[in-house]
Protein backbone atom coordinates (compact mmCIF):
# COMPACT_ATOMS: atom_id res chain seq x y z
CA MET A 1 68.49 81.07 83.71
CA LYS A 2 65.15 80.27 82.06
CA ARG A 3 64.30 82.96 84.32
CA PHE A 4 66.79 85.14 82.87
CA VAL A 5 66.34 84.23 79.41
CA LYS A 6 62.04 85.23 79.90
CA GLU A 7 62.48 88.51 81.19
CA MET A 8 65.71 89.35 78.72
CA LYS A 9 63.16 88.88 76.40
CA GLN A 10 60.15 90.95 78.23
CA TYR A 11 62.68 93.64 78.87
CA TRP A 12 65.12 94.26 76.19
CA GLY A 13 63.06 96.73 74.43
CA PHE A 14 62.93 98.79 78.02
CA ALA A 15 67.02 98.66 77.74
CA VAL A 16 67.26 99.38 74.28
CA TYR A 17 64.96 102.31 74.87
CA SER A 18 66.80 103.79 77.60
CA ALA A 19 69.88 103.28 76.22
CA LYS A 20 69.08 105.71 73.09
CA CYS A 21 67.68 108.37 75.75
CA ASP A 22 71.03 108.07 77.75
CA LEU A 23 72.97 108.65 74.46
CA LYS A 24 71.14 111.65 73.57
CA ALA A 25 70.83 113.28 77.19
CA GLU A 26 74.82 112.52 77.19
CA VAL A 27 75.33 114.91 74.32
CA ALA A 28 72.40 117.32 74.57
CA ASN A 29 74.70 120.27 76.02
CA SER A 30 77.79 119.42 74.05
CA PHE A 31 79.25 122.08 71.91
CA LEU A 32 81.22 119.19 70.12
CA ASN A 33 78.17 116.44 70.66
CA TRP A 34 78.93 112.98 69.69
CA LEU A 35 82.36 114.03 68.43
CA TRP A 36 83.63 113.71 71.60
CA TRP A 37 82.73 109.68 71.19
CA ILE A 38 85.66 109.95 68.68
CA LEU A 39 88.04 112.84 70.18
CA GLU A 40 88.19 111.14 73.44
CA PRO A 41 89.50 107.81 72.52
CA MET A 42 92.01 109.35 70.16
CA SER A 43 93.10 111.71 72.02
CA SER A 44 94.32 109.36 74.70
CA MET A 45 95.85 106.93 71.99
CA ILE A 46 97.59 109.80 70.43
CA ILE A 47 99.42 110.86 73.81
CA TYR A 48 100.52 107.33 75.07
CA ALA A 49 101.99 106.60 71.32
CA VAL A 50 103.88 109.73 71.87
CA VAL A 51 105.04 109.06 75.60
CA PHE A 52 105.83 105.47 74.95
CA SER A 53 107.10 105.43 71.32
CA VAL A 54 109.33 108.30 71.44
CA LEU A 55 110.41 108.85 75.02
CA MET A 56 110.21 104.89 76.36
CA SER A 57 111.28 103.45 72.92
CA SER A 58 108.56 101.40 72.41
CA ARG A 59 109.21 98.61 69.10
CA GLU A 60 105.74 97.60 68.59
CA ASP A 61 104.27 97.26 65.41
CA TYR A 62 101.49 99.63 64.00
CA TYR A 63 101.65 101.54 67.64
CA PRO A 64 99.20 103.81 67.24
CA VAL A 65 96.72 100.95 66.46
CA PHE A 66 98.03 98.58 69.01
CA ILE A 67 97.66 101.14 71.64
CA PHE A 68 94.23 102.39 70.47
CA ILE A 69 92.79 98.44 70.43
CA GLY A 70 93.87 98.12 74.38
CA ILE A 71 92.67 101.63 75.16
CA THR A 72 88.87 100.81 73.10
CA PHE A 73 88.60 97.47 75.21
CA TRP A 74 90.15 98.77 78.72
CA GLU A 75 87.29 101.66 78.70
CA PHE A 76 84.74 99.52 78.16
CA PHE A 77 85.21 97.09 80.68
CA ASN A 78 86.50 99.60 83.25
CA ARG A 79 83.58 102.11 82.54
CA CYS A 80 80.81 98.76 82.75
CA THR A 81 82.62 97.85 85.90
CA MET A 82 82.69 100.83 87.47
CA SER A 83 79.28 102.46 86.77
CA SER A 84 77.79 98.73 87.71
CA ILE A 85 78.72 99.20 91.73
CA SER A 86 76.27 102.06 91.84
CA LEU A 87 73.64 101.09 89.46
CA ILE A 88 70.78 99.89 92.33
CA ARG A 89 71.74 102.60 94.53
CA GLY A 90 71.73 105.30 91.62
CA ASN A 91 68.15 104.01 90.20
CA ALA A 92 66.73 103.92 93.73
CA HIS A 93 63.74 106.06 92.17
CA ILE A 94 62.77 103.18 89.65
CA ILE A 95 63.67 99.90 91.82
CA THR A 96 61.33 100.79 94.95
CA LYS A 97 58.51 101.92 92.51
CA VAL A 98 58.11 99.40 90.17
CA TYR A 99 59.38 95.88 89.66
CA MET A 100 62.13 95.20 86.95
CA PRO A 101 65.18 92.64 87.00
CA LYS A 102 68.21 94.26 88.37
CA TYR A 103 70.22 93.04 85.46
CA ILE A 104 68.56 95.07 82.87
CA LEU A 105 70.05 97.85 84.34
CA LEU A 106 73.28 96.61 83.57
CA VAL A 107 72.22 95.58 80.25
CA GLU A 108 71.59 99.13 79.54
CA ARG A 109 74.64 100.54 80.40
CA MET A 110 76.44 98.11 78.04
CA LEU A 111 74.42 98.91 75.62
CA VAL A 112 75.07 102.52 75.81
CA LEU A 113 79.08 101.60 76.00
CA ALA A 114 78.54 99.56 72.91
CA PHE A 115 77.50 102.03 70.95
CA LYS A 116 80.73 103.78 71.83
CA LEU A 117 82.90 100.81 71.04
CA LEU A 118 81.11 100.33 68.00
CA ILE A 119 82.44 103.73 66.67
CA ASN A 120 86.15 102.92 68.31
CA LEU A 121 86.02 99.56 65.88
CA GLY A 122 84.77 101.69 62.91
CA LEU A 123 88.13 104.01 63.88
CA ILE A 124 89.85 100.99 64.42
CA ALA A 125 89.23 99.57 60.51
CA ILE A 126 90.29 102.86 59.49
CA MET A 127 93.53 103.12 60.97
CA LEU A 128 94.20 99.14 59.92
CA LEU A 129 93.93 100.63 56.40
CA ILE A 130 95.98 104.30 56.91
CA PHE A 131 98.97 101.86 58.05
CA ARG A 132 98.39 99.07 55.67
CA VAL A 133 97.98 96.49 58.23
CA LYS A 134 98.30 92.80 56.34
CA ILE A 135 94.45 91.74 56.93
CA GLY A 136 93.76 87.97 56.47
CA ILE A 137 90.78 85.21 57.32
CA ASN A 138 91.95 85.37 61.21
CA ILE A 139 90.28 88.86 61.69
CA LEU A 140 86.96 86.84 61.75
CA MET A 141 88.10 85.84 65.21
CA ILE A 142 87.33 89.55 66.34
CA ILE A 143 84.04 87.69 66.40
CA PRO A 144 84.07 85.17 69.28
CA THR A 145 86.65 87.02 71.10
CA LEU A 146 83.90 89.61 71.28
CA VAL A 147 81.63 87.15 72.63
CA VAL A 148 83.87 86.22 75.07
CA PHE A 149 84.44 89.84 75.85
CA PHE A 150 80.76 90.91 76.06
CA THR A 151 80.05 87.87 78.42
CA PHE A 152 82.95 88.55 80.71
CA CYS A 153 82.03 92.51 81.09
CA PHE A 154 78.72 91.07 81.86
CA ALA A 155 79.66 88.63 84.68
CA ALA A 156 81.78 91.25 86.34
CA GLY A 157 79.33 93.89 86.12
CA LEU A 158 76.91 91.82 87.74
CA LEU A 159 79.04 90.68 90.75
CA MET A 160 80.26 94.53 91.35
CA MET A 161 75.95 95.29 91.02
CA HIS A 162 75.16 92.87 93.93
CA TYR A 163 77.98 93.76 96.10
CA GLY A 164 77.82 97.60 95.44
CA VAL A 165 74.45 97.47 97.21
CA TYR A 166 76.07 96.00 100.55
CA ILE A 167 79.64 97.44 100.88
CA SER A 168 79.94 101.25 100.83
CA ASP A 169 83.58 101.46 99.64
CA LEU A 170 83.48 99.03 97.02
CA GLN A 171 83.78 101.84 94.30
CA LYS A 172 86.46 103.32 96.10
CA ALA A 173 88.20 99.96 96.52
CA MET A 174 87.80 99.27 92.69
CA ALA A 175 89.07 102.33 91.28
CA ILE A 176 92.41 101.53 93.29
CA VAL A 177 92.29 97.98 91.80
CA LEU A 178 91.13 99.17 88.06
CA ASN A 179 93.84 101.71 88.46
CA LEU A 180 96.75 98.58 89.02
CA GLY A 181 94.75 96.91 86.32
CA PHE A 182 95.32 99.56 83.66
CA TYR A 183 99.02 99.10 84.30
CA ILE A 184 99.18 95.41 84.12
CA THR A 185 97.16 94.74 81.36
CA GLY A 186 99.17 95.79 78.22
CA ILE A 187 97.54 98.47 77.40
CA PHE A 188 100.69 100.23 75.73
CA TYR A 189 103.25 97.19 75.88
CA SER A 190 103.01 93.47 75.50
CA VAL A 191 102.51 91.79 78.81
CA GLN A 192 103.98 88.30 77.37
CA ASP A 193 107.04 90.28 75.89
CA LYS A 194 107.64 92.79 78.94
CA PHE A 195 108.04 90.33 81.90
CA PRO A 196 110.34 87.57 82.23
CA GLN A 197 109.25 84.06 81.00
CA PRO A 198 107.42 82.01 82.07
CA TYR A 199 105.72 85.18 84.42
CA GLY A 200 104.91 87.15 81.43
CA TYR A 201 103.48 84.24 79.73
CA ILE A 202 101.31 83.46 83.03
CA LEU A 203 100.54 86.86 83.35
CA GLN A 204 98.87 87.15 80.10
CA ARG A 205 96.43 84.11 80.32
CA ALA A 206 95.84 84.63 83.99
CA ASN A 207 94.56 87.98 83.57
CA PRO A 208 91.57 87.68 81.49
CA MET A 209 91.64 91.74 80.38
CA ALA A 210 94.98 91.15 79.20
CA HIS A 211 94.48 88.24 77.64
CA LEU A 212 91.63 89.27 75.40
CA ILE A 213 93.02 92.06 74.51
CA PHE A 214 96.20 90.18 73.40
CA CYS A 215 93.82 87.99 71.06
CA PHE A 216 92.01 91.10 69.88
CA ARG A 217 95.57 92.34 68.89
CA LYS A 218 96.59 88.92 67.59
CA CYS A 219 93.43 88.41 64.69
CA LEU A 220 93.92 92.41 63.92
CA LEU A 221 97.38 93.43 63.99
CA LYS A 222 99.09 90.18 63.21
CA ASN A 223 96.62 88.02 61.21
CA GLU A 224 96.84 84.84 63.70
CA MET A 225 94.54 82.67 65.50
CA PRO A 226 94.37 83.44 68.96
CA SER A 227 94.21 80.54 71.65
CA LEU A 228 90.80 79.23 71.56
CA ILE A 229 91.53 77.21 74.72
CA MET A 230 91.97 80.11 76.82
CA LEU A 231 88.95 82.05 75.16
CA SER A 232 86.67 79.08 75.99
CA VAL A 233 88.42 78.90 79.90
CA TRP A 234 87.42 82.38 80.29
CA PHE A 235 84.08 81.67 78.40
CA VAL A 236 83.19 78.76 80.87
CA ILE A 237 84.58 80.97 84.31
CA SER A 238 82.33 84.22 83.05
CA ILE A 239 79.26 82.08 82.76
CA ILE A 240 79.50 80.69 86.03
CA ILE A 241 79.79 84.16 87.51
CA ILE A 242 76.88 85.07 86.06
CA ILE A 243 75.13 82.00 87.21
CA TYR A 244 76.52 83.06 90.70
CA SER A 245 75.61 86.24 90.40
CA LEU A 246 72.32 86.18 88.80
CA ASN A 247 71.35 83.53 91.75
CA LYS A 248 72.70 86.19 94.54
CA ILE A 249 70.86 89.25 92.82
CA TYR A 250 67.10 86.76 92.51
CA LYS A 251 67.88 85.67 96.10
CA ASN A 252 68.50 89.29 97.77
CA GLU A 253 66.52 91.41 95.19
CA ASN A 254 63.81 92.43 98.00
CA ASP A 255 66.50 93.17 100.25
CA TYR A 256 67.95 95.82 97.86
CA VAL A 257 64.97 98.07 98.45
CA LYS A 258 65.74 97.90 102.52
CA MET A 259 69.12 98.65 101.84
CA ILE A 260 69.02 101.89 99.58
């Protein structure tokens, strides 16, 4: 961990600069430019809100905001996990020529996604005002929930980044797993309420993304305190995965060059 902290300080500037370049390149030839970062999640929210509120009679309070929160955080996790699988192979032209901590590639990718997430959080704030959601002190619990969320995403990304070098079909397999995860995580419904008890209660806590999205909705839409115990549990699990993955990366980073 000392090596990790030291290298993070050393290469943080590179990660930030690289993230800025990727964001500029992403919209360089686009007619609507950065507006796509708003239109894409908003259009998904509208589609799901219409389908599930009108056709399937969903009765969740503030349903458009409810869905938008789920889409925002799921898309960050989904894109972070999927892109991390091919990060090392996709940057072979850098890795084979100069030394750099491999996880910096993941940090850079997460910074790009975090910028888009920040825009979506601003949209969520506007939607809370439009729908006149009652806001209280518990909205501040979004801060520790975000810390656990980013930590878990980093842990999952590191794990996929390492095994993505050795398992060529991992990206296809994870696409199937994440597609299933999308429907059992409760993006457009409440996992705890939708499944019969105690299975809904267990599934909502056993699925980290389902629980984190539940926590975000709880403090943003209901002004309630999320479970600090469960947040702590998933934070500790994430740290363990990070330590395991970093150990794997440090031990095998010389083999990565041979594999790619």
